């Protein structure tokens, strides 16, 4: 028995606002589907962020439909969960995946958490925010008990786990049950393969370069998916790489050798099938950066899709980029002030901040409703709103100890309203 595992396809994502980049994501998804069929797998697992947002464009829906119907024609079913991008967290909302259930897509949801594929138990959950971690953990315990009744089992999740995620995570390693044979994870765009419990834990990574900070991993591990052989005592995992549609070319050049460096880049990109994205760092600049950019654009603009320059000045200043060794923003302040005092409230504040910064008002209200339903059961006629949570936030902030130095006090003060704005 073999299956393919992919995640984070982000169909519909228009990177840098460029329609060409949106098409690139569709193109690589088509390549992935073709490769999966070539591998002659028995089924496919998609671990979330199938789409870039919970209301995909008609084109994104059509591109997924094309891939799904190809798989159906080859007799290969797909099991899928919703990730944080294609989940609408407001109460009663459903992910776009359900549109395709009649076409054969098997949607894993909080209501329908598991399927059987032959004698293989496939259980999973859609994305849960950090403030919902208690609900997530309890549901994982339930899935673990169900999996215990089967010889082969797979757990499908779209979550950040502390050992594999650099920033805010929703689960710690110890929260994950250890009795599954394979852990099909999504959310982290870097390829990760490790032993866990009695099986293997895998983040296949994104299928395209979603952010430029993924370039190091892309050059090391490529983009693509994995094929898992489930016949042995332990799963055998094979990485299948798929060429992305255009290259990201990163160069560090010296202003004093600008002409020769530009000539070298031009030679590199001249024969590429698709125009690349150039990420250029120009060092030792002692001239007008506008003039330098015009020169670069004149020489390389026609040969590239986008040029993203950073200018490092001779005096040490940096133009067009802000660099901080330890950035301090609303999230950092919230975590610093609240996490030690009340971890759940700190996580809730971060979730609300993330949602409201993306204008997801209904989703933010949904997270608040779920949090209060779990922690503070209310009478039927009571309603919790953003104003309610603001009061609790301000109270927690007032009670927390101020560890900020006097020089930083004025800059560090933050209210919940300011965070939301």
Protein backbone atom coordinates (compact mmCIF):
# COMPACT_ATOMS: atom_id res chain seq x y z
CA UNK A 1 0.00 0.00 0.00
CA UNK A 2 1.43 3.40 -1.04
CA UNK A 3 0.10 6.89 -0.59
CA UNK A 4 1.17 10.44 -1.47
CA UNK A 5 1.32 13.18 1.14
CA UNK A 6 1.33 16.87 0.20
CA UNK A 7 0.37 20.13 1.88
CA UNK A 8 0.39 23.92 1.59
CA UNK A 9 -0.42 24.27 -2.11
CA UNK A 10 -1.97 27.72 -1.48
CA UNK A 11 -3.97 27.78 -4.71
CA UNK A 12 -5.04 31.32 -5.55
CA UNK A 13 -2.05 33.02 -3.96
CA UNK A 14 -1.00 36.06 -6.00
CA UNK A 15 2.51 36.59 -4.65
CA UNK A 16 3.76 40.19 -4.87
CA UNK A 17 0.41 41.03 -6.48
CA UNK A 18 1.55 39.39 -9.73
CA UNK A 19 -0.88 37.30 -11.79
CA UNK A 20 2.14 35.40 -13.13
CA UNK A 21 2.91 34.14 -9.63
CA UNK A 22 -0.69 33.01 -9.12
CA UNK A 23 -0.41 31.01 -12.34
CA UNK A 24 2.89 29.54 -11.14
CA UNK A 25 1.14 28.02 -8.12
CA UNK A 26 -1.47 26.46 -10.41
CA UNK A 27 1.18 25.12 -12.74
CA UNK A 28 3.20 23.42 -10.03
CA UNK A 29 0.02 21.92 -8.55
CA UNK A 30 -0.69 20.37 -11.94
CA UNK A 31 2.83 18.95 -12.03
CA UNK A 32 2.36 17.47 -8.56
CA UNK A 33 -0.88 15.75 -9.59
CA UNK A 34 0.79 14.26 -12.68
CA UNK A 35 3.73 13.01 -10.60
CA UNK A 36 1.38 11.45 -8.05
CA UNK A 37 -0.39 9.54 -10.78
CA UNK A 38 2.98 8.40 -12.18
CA UNK A 39 3.86 7.02 -8.74
CA UNK A 40 0.76 4.77 -8.87
CA UNK A 41 -0.24 5.44 -5.29
CA UNK A 42 -3.40 4.07 -3.69
CA UNK A 43 -4.56 7.37 -2.17
CA UNK A 44 -3.52 10.95 -1.43
CA UNK A 45 -3.46 12.97 1.80
CA UNK A 46 -3.52 16.78 1.70
CA UNK A 47 -2.64 18.28 5.09
CA UNK A 48 -4.17 21.73 4.78
CA UNK A 49 -3.84 25.12 3.10
CA UNK A 50 -5.13 23.70 -0.13
CA UNK A 51 -6.26 27.25 -0.95
CA UNK A 52 -4.78 30.61 -0.04
CA UNK A 53 -8.00 31.78 1.62
CA UNK A 54 -11.40 30.40 2.67
CA UNK A 55 -13.15 32.11 -0.24
CA UNK A 56 -11.08 30.98 -3.24
CA UNK A 57 -11.37 32.65 -6.63
CA UNK A 58 -13.22 30.76 -9.40
CA UNK A 59 -9.85 30.10 -11.05
CA UNK A 60 -8.43 28.52 -7.88
CA UNK A 61 -11.50 26.30 -7.55
CA UNK A 62 -11.28 25.25 -11.20
CA UNK A 63 -7.58 24.41 -10.97
CA UNK A 64 -8.19 22.18 -7.97
CA UNK A 65 -11.17 20.57 -9.69
CA UNK A 66 -8.97 19.71 -12.67
CA UNK A 67 -6.44 18.01 -10.40
CA UNK A 68 -9.07 16.18 -8.37
CA UNK A 69 -10.79 14.84 -11.49
CA UNK A 70 -7.44 13.64 -12.83
CA UNK A 71 -6.89 11.69 -9.63
CA UNK A 72 -10.44 10.34 -9.75
CA UNK A 73 -9.88 9.18 -13.31
CA UNK A 74 -6.81 7.28 -12.14
CA UNK A 75 -8.78 5.71 -9.30
CA UNK A 76 -6.90 7.63 -6.57
CA UNK A 77 -9.01 9.16 -3.77
CA UNK A 78 -7.87 12.21 -1.80
CA UNK A 79 -8.31 12.80 1.93
CA UNK A 80 -7.98 16.44 3.03
CA UNK A 81 -8.20 18.77 6.03
CA UNK A 82 -8.56 22.55 6.15
CA UNK A 83 -5.53 24.61 7.16
CA UNK A 84 -5.40 28.05 8.73
CA UNK A 85 -5.53 29.77 5.33
CA UNK A 86 -8.52 27.90 3.94
CA UNK A 87 -10.42 27.81 7.25
CA UNK A 88 -13.08 30.32 8.20
CA UNK A 89 -13.11 30.30 11.99
CA UNK A 90 -16.45 32.04 12.45
CA UNK A 91 -19.23 29.96 13.96
CA UNK A 92 -21.06 27.73 11.50
CA UNK A 93 -18.64 28.32 8.62
CA UNK A 94 -17.42 25.50 6.41
CA UNK A 95 -14.24 25.22 4.34
CA UNK A 96 -14.32 25.36 0.53
CA UNK A 97 -13.32 21.68 0.44
CA UNK A 98 -16.95 20.62 0.90
CA UNK A 99 -17.77 21.84 -2.62
CA UNK A 100 -15.84 18.87 -3.95
CA UNK A 101 -17.27 16.09 -1.78
CA UNK A 102 -19.56 14.90 -4.59
CA UNK A 103 -16.49 14.69 -6.83
CA UNK A 104 -14.91 12.25 -4.39
CA UNK A 105 -12.91 14.48 -2.03
CA UNK A 106 -12.96 12.93 1.44
CA UNK A 107 -13.01 15.85 3.89
CA UNK A 108 -11.70 15.21 7.40
CA UNK A 109 -13.54 17.55 9.79
CA UNK A 110 -14.40 17.94 13.50
CA UNK A 111 -17.67 16.15 12.74
CA UNK A 112 -16.16 13.42 10.57
CA UNK A 113 -12.69 12.93 12.03
CA UNK A 114 -11.74 9.61 10.49
CA UNK A 115 -12.02 7.25 7.54
CA UNK A 116 -10.93 3.72 6.79
CA UNK A 117 -8.98 3.06 3.60
CA UNK A 118 -8.96 -0.71 3.48
CA UNK A 119 -7.47 -1.68 6.83
CA UNK A 120 -5.74 1.71 7.33
CA UNK A 121 -7.23 4.13 9.87
CA UNK A 122 -6.94 7.75 8.68
CA UNK A 123 -7.82 10.26 11.39
CA UNK A 124 -7.27 13.97 11.60
CA UNK A 125 -8.43 17.46 12.46
CA UNK A 126 -8.47 20.83 10.69
CA UNK A 127 -6.40 23.75 11.98
CA UNK A 128 -6.99 24.89 15.55
CA UNK A 129 -5.69 28.21 16.88
CA UNK A 130 -3.38 28.37 19.90
CA UNK A 131 -6.24 29.60 22.08
CA UNK A 132 -8.18 26.44 21.16
CA UNK A 133 -5.31 24.12 22.09
CA UNK A 134 -7.24 22.48 24.95
CA UNK A 135 -10.01 21.45 22.55
CA UNK A 136 -7.39 20.21 20.07
CA UNK A 137 -5.61 18.12 22.71
CA UNK A 138 -8.84 16.48 23.87
CA UNK A 139 -9.77 15.57 20.31
CA UNK A 140 -6.30 14.09 19.77
CA UNK A 141 -6.85 11.84 22.76
CA UNK A 142 -10.11 10.63 21.20
CA UNK A 143 -8.41 9.92 17.87
CA UNK A 144 -5.60 8.07 19.63
CA UNK A 145 -8.13 5.75 21.29
CA UNK A 146 -9.79 5.04 17.95
CA UNK A 147 -6.45 4.38 16.24
CA UNK A 148 -5.49 1.86 18.95
CA UNK A 149 -8.01 -0.57 17.49
CA UNK A 150 -6.18 -0.76 14.14
CA UNK A 151 -2.85 -2.19 13.00
CA UNK A 152 -2.06 0.73 10.67
CA UNK A 153 -2.96 4.34 11.34
CA UNK A 154 -2.29 7.85 10.03
CA UNK A 155 -2.78 11.17 11.86
CA UNK A 156 -3.44 14.24 9.67
CA UNK A 157 -2.90 17.70 11.19
CA UNK A 158 -2.20 21.28 10.12
CA UNK A 159 -0.43 22.68 13.18
CA UNK A 160 2.82 24.20 14.34
CA UNK A 161 4.67 21.92 16.77
CA UNK A 162 7.28 23.36 19.12
CA UNK A 163 10.25 21.23 17.95
CA UNK A 164 9.72 22.14 14.31
CA UNK A 165 8.40 25.70 14.39
CA UNK A 166 10.42 28.85 15.12
CA UNK A 167 7.53 31.10 16.15
CA UNK A 168 4.18 30.65 17.82
CA UNK A 169 3.06 27.04 17.85
CA UNK A 170 -0.22 25.40 18.80
CA UNK A 171 1.10 22.05 20.06
CA UNK A 172 4.03 20.77 22.04
CA UNK A 173 5.59 17.48 21.02
CA UNK A 174 4.26 15.80 24.14
CA UNK A 175 0.68 16.72 23.18
CA UNK A 176 0.79 14.45 20.12
CA UNK A 177 -0.23 10.81 20.68
CA UNK A 178 2.59 8.37 19.94
CA UNK A 179 0.60 5.37 18.69
CA UNK A 180 0.21 6.34 15.02
CA UNK A 181 2.35 4.86 12.25
CA UNK A 182 2.53 8.04 10.19
CA UNK A 183 2.01 11.71 11.04
CA UNK A 184 0.92 13.65 7.95
CA UNK A 185 1.47 17.27 8.96
CA UNK A 186 1.08 20.58 7.19
CA UNK A 187 1.58 24.28 8.02
CA UNK A 188 5.39 24.46 8.06
CA UNK A 189 6.72 25.09 4.55
CA UNK A 190 10.11 23.54 5.23
CA UNK A 191 10.53 19.84 4.43
CA UNK A 192 10.85 17.84 7.66
CA UNK A 193 11.19 14.08 8.16
CA UNK A 194 11.78 12.58 11.60
CA UNK A 195 11.06 9.51 13.73
CA UNK A 196 8.15 9.95 16.11
CA UNK A 197 6.54 7.39 18.39
CA UNK A 198 6.41 4.13 16.49
CA UNK A 199 6.39 5.81 13.08
CA UNK A 200 7.43 8.82 10.99
CA UNK A 201 6.47 12.48 11.26
CA UNK A 202 6.58 14.45 8.01
CA UNK A 203 6.01 18.02 6.92
CA UNK A 204 6.27 17.75 3.10
CA UNK A 205 6.64 21.53 2.86
CA UNK A 206 4.88 23.87 0.45
CA UNK A 207 4.77 23.02 -3.24
CA UNK A 208 5.93 26.52 -4.25
CA UNK A 209 8.02 29.30 -2.73
CA UNK A 210 5.36 31.12 -0.70
CA UNK A 211 7.84 33.45 1.03
CA UNK A 212 11.40 34.33 0.13
CA UNK A 213 12.68 33.06 3.49
CA UNK A 214 11.91 29.55 2.17
CA UNK A 215 14.68 29.79 -0.42
CA UNK A 216 17.38 28.13 1.69
CA UNK A 217 15.18 25.07 2.26
CA UNK A 218 14.12 25.08 -1.40
CA UNK A 219 17.73 24.95 -2.58
CA UNK A 220 18.49 22.17 -0.10
CA UNK A 221 15.37 20.01 -0.33
CA UNK A 222 13.44 21.27 -3.35
CA UNK A 223 9.67 21.56 -3.44
CA UNK A 224 7.23 18.71 -3.91
CA UNK A 225 5.61 15.94 -1.88
CA UNK A 226 6.39 12.52 -0.40
CA UNK A 227 5.38 8.98 -1.29
CA UNK A 228 4.97 6.62 1.66
CA UNK A 229 5.27 2.83 1.42
CA UNK A 230 3.07 1.46 4.19
CA UNK A 231 3.72 -2.27 3.76
CA UNK A 232 6.67 -2.72 6.13
CA UNK A 233 6.98 -2.57 9.89
CA UNK A 234 7.82 1.14 9.57
CA UNK A 235 6.77 3.52 6.79
CA UNK A 236 9.32 4.14 4.06
CA UNK A 237 9.27 7.79 2.95
CA UNK A 238 10.50 8.90 -0.47
CA UNK A 239 10.89 12.58 -1.35
CA UNK A 240 9.54 13.49 -4.82
CA UNK A 241 10.76 16.85 -6.06
CA UNK A 242 8.84 18.96 -8.55
CA UNK A 243 10.40 21.84 -10.46
CA UNK A 244 8.86 25.20 -9.65
CA UNK A 245 7.83 27.40 -12.55
CA UNK A 246 10.41 30.15 -12.21
CA UNK A 247 13.62 30.69 -10.30
CA UNK A 248 14.33 33.02 -7.41
CA UNK A 249 17.87 34.25 -7.94
CA UNK A 250 19.60 35.82 -4.96
CA UNK A 251 22.85 37.73 -5.42
CA UNK A 252 25.09 39.87 -3.20
CA UNK A 253 27.05 42.35 -5.31
CA UNK A 254 29.52 45.16 -4.72
CA UNK A 255 28.55 48.62 -5.91
CA UNK A 256 32.13 49.17 -7.07
CA UNK A 257 31.75 46.18 -9.40
CA UNK A 258 28.16 46.88 -10.39
CA UNK A 259 28.70 46.73 -14.15
CA UNK A 260 30.47 43.36 -14.17
CA UNK A 261 28.04 41.86 -11.66
CA UNK A 262 25.05 42.94 -13.72
CA UNK A 263 26.66 41.39 -16.77
CA UNK A 264 27.10 38.10 -14.89
CA UNK A 265 23.47 38.07 -13.74
CA UNK A 266 22.30 38.86 -17.26
CA UNK A 267 24.25 35.90 -18.59
CA UNK A 268 22.72 33.64 -15.94
CA UNK A 269 19.09 34.55 -16.60
CA UNK A 270 19.15 35.17 -20.34
CA UNK A 271 18.23 31.62 -21.34
CA UNK A 272 15.73 30.78 -18.58
CA UNK A 273 12.32 29.62 -19.79
CA UNK A 274 10.47 31.97 -17.43
CA UNK A 275 11.54 35.35 -16.15
CA UNK A 276 13.03 34.94 -12.65
CA UNK A 277 12.57 37.01 -9.51
CA UNK A 278 15.82 38.76 -8.61
CA UNK A 279 16.69 39.42 -4.98
CA UNK A 280 19.74 41.68 -5.00
CA UNK A 281 21.83 42.99 -2.12
CA UNK A 282 24.03 45.90 -3.24
CA UNK A 283 26.88 46.60 -0.81
CA UNK A 284 29.19 49.58 -0.24
CA UNK A 285 26.78 52.06 -1.81
CA UNK A 286 27.90 55.69 -1.69
CA UNK A 287 25.61 57.04 -4.40
CA UNK A 288 21.94 57.84 -5.02
CA UNK A 289 20.06 54.56 -4.68
CA UNK A 290 17.38 55.75 -7.10
CA UNK A 291 19.94 56.11 -9.86
CA UNK A 292 21.38 52.66 -9.07
CA UNK A 293 17.94 51.07 -9.18
CA UNK A 294 17.22 52.72 -12.54
CA UNK A 295 20.48 51.28 -13.88
CA UNK A 296 19.69 47.78 -12.61
CA UNK A 297 16.14 47.95 -13.93
CA UNK A 298 17.29 49.19 -17.33
CA UNK A 299 19.75 46.31 -17.68
CA UNK A 300 17.76 43.47 -16.08
CA UNK A 301 14.11 44.59 -16.06
CA UNK A 302 13.17 43.02 -19.39
CA UNK A 303 14.78 39.72 -18.37
CA UNK A 304 13.14 39.41 -14.94
CA UNK A 305 9.62 39.32 -13.53
CA UNK A 306 10.53 41.38 -10.46
CA UNK A 307 13.64 42.94 -8.96
CA UNK A 308 13.82 43.32 -5.16
CA UNK A 309 16.97 45.30 -4.21
CA UNK A 310 18.43 46.11 -0.81
CA UNK A 311 21.07 48.84 -0.57
CA UNK A 312 23.74 48.62 2.13
CA UNK A 313 25.30 52.07 2.41
CA UNK A 314 28.96 52.75 3.14
CA UNK A 315 28.02 54.45 6.42
CA UNK A 316 26.23 51.29 7.57
CA UNK A 317 22.71 52.43 6.86
CA UNK A 318 20.35 50.15 4.98
CA UNK A 319 17.74 51.42 2.57
CA UNK A 320 14.49 49.69 1.62
CA UNK A 321 14.72 47.25 4.50
CA UNK A 322 14.42 47.39 8.29
CA UNK A 323 16.64 44.99 10.21
CA UNK A 324 16.21 44.31 13.92
CA UNK A 325 17.96 41.55 15.79
CA UNK A 326 15.03 41.18 18.16
CA UNK A 327 11.97 42.93 16.74
CA UNK A 328 9.49 44.20 19.29
CA UNK A 329 5.93 44.54 18.08
CA UNK A 330 2.39 43.96 19.41
CA UNK A 331 2.74 40.16 19.38
CA UNK A 332 5.99 40.19 21.31
CA UNK A 333 4.56 42.62 23.87
CA UNK A 334 1.41 40.56 24.32
CA UNK A 335 3.39 37.36 24.85
CA UNK A 336 5.82 39.07 27.22
CA UNK A 337 3.07 40.63 29.31
CA UNK A 338 0.52 37.84 29.38
CA UNK A 339 2.05 34.44 28.72
CA UNK A 340 3.53 33.92 32.17
CA UNK A 341 0.43 35.22 33.92
CA UNK A 342 -2.24 33.59 31.76
CA UNK A 343 -1.05 31.56 28.80
CA UNK A 344 -4.54 30.98 27.39
CA UNK A 345 -5.38 34.70 27.33
CA UNK A 346 -2.03 35.46 25.70
CA UNK A 347 -2.69 32.93 22.94
CA UNK A 348 -6.21 34.27 22.49
CA UNK A 349 -4.91 37.83 22.11
CA UNK A 350 -2.42 36.71 19.45
CA UNK A 351 -5.11 34.83 17.53
CA UNK A 352 -7.41 37.86 17.57
CA UNK A 353 -4.59 40.17 16.53
CA UNK A 354 -3.71 37.91 13.58
CA UNK A 355 -7.31 37.68 12.40
CA UNK A 356 -8.18 41.36 12.77
CA UNK A 357 -4.98 42.43 11.01
CA UNK A 358 -6.38 40.52 8.01
CA UNK A 359 -9.88 42.05 8.39
CA UNK A 360 -11.33 38.69 9.43
CA UNK A 361 -13.84 40.18 11.86
CA UNK A 362 -16.22 37.24 11.82
CA UNK A 363 -13.39 34.80 12.39
CA UNK A 364 -12.14 36.86 15.33
CA UNK A 365 -15.61 36.84 16.88
CA UNK A 366 -15.78 33.09 16.27
CA UNK A 367 -12.52 32.53 18.16
CA UNK A 368 -13.79 34.66 21.04
CA UNK A 369 -17.06 32.72 21.16
CA UNK A 370 -15.25 29.38 21.22
CA UNK A 371 -12.84 30.54 23.92
CA UNK A 372 -15.58 31.79 26.22
CA UNK A 373 -17.77 28.74 25.59
CA UNK A 374 -14.91 26.59 26.85
CA UNK A 375 -13.61 28.72 29.73
CA UNK A 376 -16.62 30.75 30.90
CA UNK A 377 -19.99 29.10 30.13
CA UNK A 378 -22.60 31.83 29.74
CA UNK A 379 -26.33 32.16 30.06
CA UNK A 380 -28.10 31.91 26.72
CA UNK A 381 -28.99 35.61 26.66
CA UNK A 382 -25.39 36.77 27.28
CA UNK A 383 -23.13 37.76 24.41
CA UNK A 384 -19.35 38.05 24.32
CA UNK A 385 -17.90 40.63 21.98
CA UNK A 386 -14.54 42.14 21.17
CA UNK A 387 -15.31 44.83 23.77
CA UNK A 388 -15.68 42.08 26.41
CA UNK A 389 -12.31 40.56 25.65
CA UNK A 390 -10.76 44.04 25.56
CA UNK A 391 -11.74 44.55 29.20
CA UNK A 392 -10.10 41.27 30.22
CA UNK A 393 -6.99 42.08 28.20
CA UNK A 394 -6.61 45.49 29.89
CA UNK A 395 -7.07 43.88 33.30
CA UNK A 396 -4.40 41.27 32.64
CA UNK A 397 -2.02 43.95 31.34
CA UNK A 398 -2.55 46.03 34.47
CA UNK A 399 -1.88 43.07 36.76
CA UNK A 400 1.23 41.79 34.96
CA UNK A 401 4.64 42.87 36.19
CA UNK A 402 6.36 45.52 34.13
CA UNK A 403 9.84 44.23 33.29
CA UNK A 404 10.51 46.89 30.67
CA UNK A 405 13.42 49.24 31.37
CA UNK A 406 12.67 52.92 32.03
CA UNK A 407 14.14 53.96 28.68
CA UNK A 408 11.78 51.59 26.87
CA UNK A 409 8.64 52.20 28.95
CA UNK A 410 7.03 54.85 26.73
CA UNK A 411 7.59 52.82 23.54
CA UNK A 412 6.47 49.52 25.07
CA UNK A 413 3.05 50.57 26.40
CA UNK A 414 0.28 48.96 24.40
CA UNK A 415 -3.47 48.65 24.82
CA UNK A 416 -5.67 45.98 23.35
CA UNK A 417 -7.35 48.58 21.17
CA UNK A 418 -3.97 49.66 19.79
CA UNK A 419 -3.09 46.05 19.09
CA UNK A 420 -6.31 45.52 17.17
CA UNK A 421 -5.78 48.71 15.19
